[in-house]
Amino acid sequence: MKENYILCKQRRALKGKIVSIIFLLFALTLFLDASKSLTIKFGFLFVSLIIIATSVYYKITPEFDNKMIYMVFGIPILKIKLDVVYPDYISIAPGKFKSDNEYSSVAALGTEEKYDMFALRFFKDNKNDKVYMSSSYEDVLEKAQWLSNVLNTEIYDATKN
């Protein structure tokens, strides 16, 4: 967490991690095949490491000039404007969240994934945007308090009810 912005790492689906590891294992097995060129072997290895090392972060600033940042090995490679609502209030809520993979490339591994997490959301009128999720309540609370201070908004903590 920095003084003038906060980074909220976005959760990566388990099935995406599994596909990345399978791709890496495939790349490593190419090294056992003497008939393949070194260019192909290292190319597959390089691509698989890039896939595994890619992370997505939301960068929230006090000026609300927010970005979605794609990082590889912690190095930003792409920044895109992040469109989230300016909150009337910030919510922390526990829950069982699920992600659907029905139409993705990992649908063969199952179409639904459920997990217990705490979510930090921005609420404005009837709209909300999920900004951060973690299994650690303290981590979510720390980010919510920082955001509440810099955005001058209230925190509604649903874990207290």
C-alpha atoms as a PDB file:
ATOM      1  CA  MET A   1       0.000   0.000   0.000  1.00  0.00           C
ATOM      2  CA  LYS A   2       1.381   3.377  -0.985  1.00  0.00           C
ATOM      3  CA  GLU A   3       0.653   6.829   0.406  1.00  0.00           C
ATOM      4  CA  ASN A   4      -1.103   8.152  -2.705  1.00  0.00           C
ATOM      5  CA  TYR A   5      -2.751   4.974  -4.031  1.00  0.00           C
ATOM      6  CA  ILE A   6      -3.710   1.470  -3.050  1.00  0.00           C
ATOM      7  CA  LEU A   7      -3.300  -1.714  -5.077  1.00  0.00           C
ATOM      8  CA  CYS A   8      -6.007  -4.348  -4.815  1.00  0.00           C
ATOM      9  CA  LYS A   9      -4.873  -7.655  -6.290  1.00  0.00           C
ATOM     10  CA  GLN A  10      -7.654  -9.426  -8.135  1.00  0.00           C
ATOM     11  CA  ARG A  11      -8.290 -13.063  -7.416  1.00  0.00           C
ATOM     12  CA  ARG A  12      -7.307 -15.535 -10.100  1.00  0.00           C
ATOM     13  CA  ALA A  13      -9.608 -18.515 -10.616  1.00  0.00           C
ATOM     14  CA  LEU A  14      -8.289 -21.898  -9.549  1.00  0.00           C
ATOM     15  CA  LYS A  15      -9.128 -23.413 -12.908  1.00  0.00           C
ATOM     16  CA  GLY A  16      -7.036 -20.766 -14.646  1.00  0.00           C
ATOM     17  CA  LYS A  17      -4.110 -21.672 -12.399  1.00  0.00           C
ATOM     18  CA  ILE A  18      -4.583 -25.354 -13.227  1.00  0.00           C
ATOM     19  CA  VAL A  19      -4.555 -24.701 -16.977  1.00  0.00           C
ATOM     20  CA  SER A  20      -1.416 -22.554 -16.566  1.00  0.00           C
ATOM     21  CA  ILE A  21       0.382 -25.326 -14.694  1.00  0.00           C
ATOM     22  CA  ILE A  22      -0.674 -27.933 -17.270  1.00  0.00           C
ATOM     23  CA  PHE A  23       0.713 -25.670 -20.012  1.00  0.00           C
ATOM     24  CA  LEU A  24       3.980 -25.321 -18.048  1.00  0.00           C
ATOM     25  CA  LEU A  25       4.246 -29.097 -17.620  1.00  0.00           C
ATOM     26  CA  PHE A  26       3.669 -29.532 -21.350  1.00  0.00           C
ATOM     27  CA  ALA A  27       6.428 -27.007 -22.041  1.00  0.00           C
ATOM     28  CA  LEU A  28       8.797 -28.861 -19.714  1.00  0.00           C
ATOM     29  CA  THR A  29       8.040 -32.220 -21.367  1.00  0.00           C
ATOM     30  CA  LEU A  30       9.136 -30.729 -24.693  1.00  0.00           C
ATOM     31  CA  PHE A  31      12.674 -30.673 -23.268  1.00  0.00           C
ATOM     32  CA  LEU A  32      12.554 -34.493 -23.154  1.00  0.00           C
ATOM     33  CA  ASP A  33      11.928 -34.676 -26.897  1.00  0.00           C
ATOM     34  CA  ALA A  34      15.275 -34.388 -28.676  1.00  0.00           C
ATOM     35  CA  SER A  35      13.619 -33.885 -32.073  1.00  0.00           C
ATOM     36  CA  LYS A  36      12.148 -30.474 -31.152  1.00  0.00           C
ATOM     37  CA  SER A  37      14.213 -27.343 -31.691  1.00  0.00           C
ATOM     38  CA  LEU A  38      15.445 -25.308 -28.752  1.00  0.00           C
ATOM     39  CA  THR A  39      13.496 -22.317 -30.053  1.00  0.00           C
ATOM     40  CA  ILE A  40      10.200 -24.181 -29.710  1.00  0.00           C
ATOM     41  CA  LYS A  41      11.149 -25.544 -26.279  1.00  0.00           C
ATOM     42  CA  PHE A  42      12.164 -22.186 -24.855  1.00  0.00           C
ATOM     43  CA  GLY A  43       9.257 -20.453 -26.602  1.00  0.00           C
ATOM     44  CA  PHE A  44       6.694 -22.680 -24.888  1.00  0.00           C
ATOM     45  CA  LEU A  45       8.536 -22.353 -21.577  1.00  0.00           C
ATOM     46  CA  PHE A  46       8.641 -18.553 -21.875  1.00  0.00           C
ATOM     47  CA  VAL A  47       4.931 -18.291 -22.745  1.00  0.00           C
ATOM     48  CA  SER A  48       3.919 -20.610 -19.896  1.00  0.00           C
ATOM     49  CA  LEU A  49       5.967 -18.626 -17.370  1.00  0.00           C
ATOM     50  CA  ILE A  50       4.379 -15.375 -18.603  1.00  0.00           C
ATOM     51  CA  ILE A  51       0.898 -16.877 -18.193  1.00  0.00           C
ATOM     52  CA  ILE A  52       1.650 -18.088 -14.664  1.00  0.00           C
ATOM     53  CA  ALA A  53       3.317 -14.822 -13.607  1.00  0.00           C
ATOM     54  CA  THR A  54       0.559 -12.491 -14.857  1.00  0.00           C
ATOM     55  CA  SER A  55      -1.431 -10.702 -12.147  1.00  0.00           C
ATOM     56  CA  VAL A  56      -4.211  -8.132 -12.304  1.00  0.00           C
ATOM     57  CA  TYR A  57      -4.426  -5.242  -9.838  1.00  0.00           C
ATOM     58  CA  TYR A  58      -6.866  -2.398  -9.338  1.00  0.00           C
ATOM     59  CA  LYS A  59      -5.058   0.854  -8.546  1.00  0.00           C
ATOM     60  CA  ILE A  60      -7.355   3.222  -6.617  1.00  0.00           C
ATOM     61  CA  THR A  61      -6.217   6.823  -6.097  1.00  0.00           C
ATOM     62  CA  PRO A  62      -7.639   9.670  -3.983  1.00  0.00           C
ATOM     63  CA  GLU A  63      -8.317  11.606  -7.216  1.00  0.00           C
ATOM     64  CA  PHE A  64     -10.270   8.551  -8.429  1.00  0.00           C
ATOM     65  CA  ASP A  65      -8.067   8.223 -11.517  1.00  0.00           C
ATOM     66  CA  ASN A  66      -8.291   4.448 -11.235  1.00  0.00           C
ATOM     67  CA  LYS A  67      -6.477   1.899 -13.376  1.00  0.00           C
ATOM     68  CA  MET A  68      -6.559  -1.830 -13.990  1.00  0.00           C
ATOM     69  CA  ILE A  69      -2.932  -2.917 -14.163  1.00  0.00           C
ATOM     70  CA  TYR A  70      -1.661  -6.136 -15.708  1.00  0.00           C
ATOM     71  CA  MET A  71       1.699  -7.118 -14.231  1.00  0.00           C
ATOM     72  CA  VAL A  72       4.144  -9.849 -15.164  1.00  0.00           C
ATOM     73  CA  PHE A  73       6.655 -10.741 -12.458  1.00  0.00           C
ATOM     74  CA  GLY A  74       5.588  -7.538 -10.665  1.00  0.00           C
ATOM     75  CA  ILE A  75       6.381  -5.326 -13.673  1.00  0.00           C
ATOM     76  CA  PRO A  76       3.439  -3.341 -15.091  1.00  0.00           C
ATOM     77  CA  ILE A  77       2.922  -4.161 -18.767  1.00  0.00           C
ATOM     78  CA  LEU A  78      -0.538  -2.721 -19.419  1.00  0.00           C
ATOM     79  CA  LYS A  79      -2.656  -0.049 -17.724  1.00  0.00           C
ATOM     80  CA  ILE A  80      -6.329   0.391 -18.578  1.00  0.00           C
ATOM     81  CA  LYS A  81      -8.774   2.935 -17.177  1.00  0.00           C
ATOM     82  CA  LEU A  82     -10.870   1.288 -14.469  1.00  0.00           C
ATOM     83  CA  ASP A  83     -14.516   2.307 -14.477  1.00  0.00           C
ATOM     84  CA  VAL A  84     -15.918   1.918 -10.947  1.00  0.00           C
ATOM     85  CA  VAL A  85     -18.568   3.998  -9.205  1.00  0.00           C
ATOM     86  CA  TYR A  86     -17.468   6.729  -6.798  1.00  0.00           C
ATOM     87  CA  PRO A  87     -18.856   5.306  -3.566  1.00  0.00           C
ATOM     88  CA  ASP A  88     -21.480   6.778  -1.273  1.00  0.00           C
ATOM     89  CA  TYR A  89     -20.210   4.151   1.137  1.00  0.00           C
ATOM     90  CA  ILE A  90     -17.821   1.211   1.238  1.00  0.00           C
ATOM     91  CA  SER A  91     -19.051  -2.220   2.259  1.00  0.00           C
ATOM     92  CA  ILE A  92     -17.203  -5.150   3.787  1.00  0.00           C
ATOM     93  CA  ALA A  93     -19.216  -8.341   3.571  1.00  0.00           C
ATOM     94  CA  PRO A  94     -18.464 -12.013   4.109  1.00  0.00           C
ATOM     95  CA  GLY A  95     -19.946 -14.514   1.766  1.00  0.00           C
ATOM     96  CA  LYS A  96     -19.766 -17.583  -0.344  1.00  0.00           C
ATOM     97  CA  PHE A  97     -18.762 -16.333  -3.753  1.00  0.00           C
ATOM     98  CA  LYS A  98     -18.760 -18.309  -6.949  1.00  0.00           C
ATOM     99  CA  SER A  99     -17.259 -17.875 -10.350  1.00  0.00           C
ATOM    100  CA  ASP A 100     -18.697 -19.428 -13.462  1.00  0.00           C
ATOM    101  CA  ASN A 101     -16.525 -20.821 -16.219  1.00  0.00           C
ATOM    102  CA  GLU A 102     -19.331 -22.036 -18.446  1.00  0.00           C
ATOM    103  CA  TYR A 103     -18.082 -20.327 -21.600  1.00  0.00           C
ATOM    104  CA  SER A 104     -14.354 -20.184 -20.997  1.00  0.00           C
ATOM    105  CA  SER A 105     -11.534 -22.433 -22.110  1.00  0.00           C
ATOM    106  CA  VAL A 106     -11.485 -24.154 -18.721  1.00  0.00           C
ATOM    107  CA  ALA A 107     -15.149 -25.230 -18.733  1.00  0.00           C
ATOM    108  CA  ALA A 108     -14.088 -28.858 -19.094  1.00  0.00           C
ATOM    109  CA  LEU A 109     -12.656 -28.690 -15.563  1.00  0.00           C
ATOM    110  CA  GLY A 110     -16.050 -27.693 -14.149  1.00  0.00           C
ATOM    111  CA  THR A 111     -18.313 -24.727 -14.606  1.00  0.00           C
ATOM    112  CA  GLU A 112     -18.543 -23.419 -11.067  1.00  0.00           C
ATOM    113  CA  GLU A 113     -16.139 -22.636  -8.263  1.00  0.00           C
ATOM    114  CA  LYS A 114     -17.259 -21.618  -4.745  1.00  0.00           C
ATOM    115  CA  TYR A 115     -15.157 -20.043  -2.013  1.00  0.00           C
ATOM    116  CA  ASP A 116     -15.540 -18.202   1.308  1.00  0.00           C
ATOM    117  CA  MET A 117     -14.159 -14.679   1.199  1.00  0.00           C
ATOM    118  CA  PHE A 118     -14.597 -11.140   2.429  1.00  0.00           C
ATOM    119  CA  ALA A 119     -15.503  -8.635  -0.272  1.00  0.00           C
ATOM    120  CA  LEU A 120     -14.851  -4.900  -0.373  1.00  0.00           C
ATOM    121  CA  ARG A 121     -17.405  -3.128  -2.540  1.00  0.00           C
ATOM    122  CA  PHE A 122     -18.151   0.436  -3.563  1.00  0.00           C
ATOM    123  CA  PHE A 123     -21.857   1.311  -3.361  1.00  0.00           C
ATOM    124  CA  LYS A 124     -23.591   4.219  -5.065  1.00  0.00           C
ATOM    125  CA  ASP A 125     -27.396   4.224  -5.181  1.00  0.00           C
ATOM    126  CA  ASN A 126     -28.355   0.789  -6.534  1.00  0.00           C
ATOM    127  CA  LYS A 127     -24.990   0.107  -8.164  1.00  0.00           C
ATOM    128  CA  ASN A 128     -21.990  -1.601  -6.647  1.00  0.00           C
ATOM    129  CA  ASP A 129     -18.546  -2.651  -7.806  1.00  0.00           C
ATOM    130  CA  LYS A 130     -16.475  -5.361  -6.183  1.00  0.00           C
ATOM    131  CA  VAL A 131     -13.015  -3.863  -5.737  1.00  0.00           C
ATOM    132  CA  TYR A 132     -11.205  -6.465  -3.648  1.00  0.00           C
ATOM    133  CA  MET A 133     -11.666  -9.939  -2.199  1.00  0.00           C
ATOM    134  CA  SER A 134      -9.602 -11.809   0.350  1.00  0.00           C
ATOM    135  CA  SER A 135      -9.912 -14.645   2.813  1.00  0.00           C
ATOM    136  CA  SER A 136      -8.337 -12.305   5.404  1.00  0.00           C
ATOM    137  CA  TYR A 137     -10.779  -9.954   7.129  1.00  0.00           C
ATOM    138  CA  GLU A 138      -7.891  -7.822   8.438  1.00  0.00           C
ATOM    139  CA  ASP A 139      -6.534  -7.287   4.931  1.00  0.00           C
ATOM    140  CA  VAL A 140      -9.944  -6.202   3.598  1.00  0.00           C
ATOM    141  CA  LEU A 141     -10.527  -3.948   6.625  1.00  0.00           C
ATOM    142  CA  GLU A 142      -7.121  -2.267   6.199  1.00  0.00           C
ATOM    143  CA  LYS A 143      -7.843  -1.448   2.549  1.00  0.00           C
ATOM    144  CA  ALA A 144     -11.382  -0.281   3.385  1.00  0.00           C
ATOM    145  CA  GLN A 145     -10.102   2.065   6.110  1.00  0.00           C
ATOM    146  CA  TRP A 146      -7.502   3.588   3.788  1.00  0.00           C
ATOM    147  CA  LEU A 147     -10.085   4.059   1.031  1.00  0.00           C
ATOM    148  CA  SER A 148     -12.588   5.497   3.504  1.00  0.00           C
ATOM    149  CA  ASN A 149     -10.036   8.078   4.653  1.00  0.00           C
ATOM    150  CA  VAL A 150      -8.910   9.224   1.207  1.00  0.00           C
ATOM    151  CA  LEU A 151     -12.365   9.123  -0.429  1.00  0.00           C
ATOM    152  CA  ASN A 152     -14.110  10.560   2.642  1.00  0.00           C
ATOM    153  CA  THR A 153     -16.769   7.841   2.745  1.00  0.00           C
ATOM    154  CA  GLU A 154     -18.308   5.666   5.441  1.00  0.00           C
ATOM    155  CA  ILE A 155     -17.602   1.970   5.891  1.00  0.00           C
ATOM    156  CA  TYR A 156     -20.503  -0.404   6.377  1.00  0.00           C
ATOM    157  CA  ASP A 157     -19.126  -3.583   7.931  1.00  0.00           C
ATOM    158  CA  ALA A 158     -21.655  -6.394   7.427  1.00  0.00           C
ATOM    159  CA  THR A 159     -19.533  -8.727   9.559  1.00  0.00           C
ATOM    160  CA  LYS A 160     -20.620  -6.766  12.650  1.00  0.00           C
ATOM    161  CA  ASN A 161     -24.322  -7.611  12.191  1.00  0.00           C
END
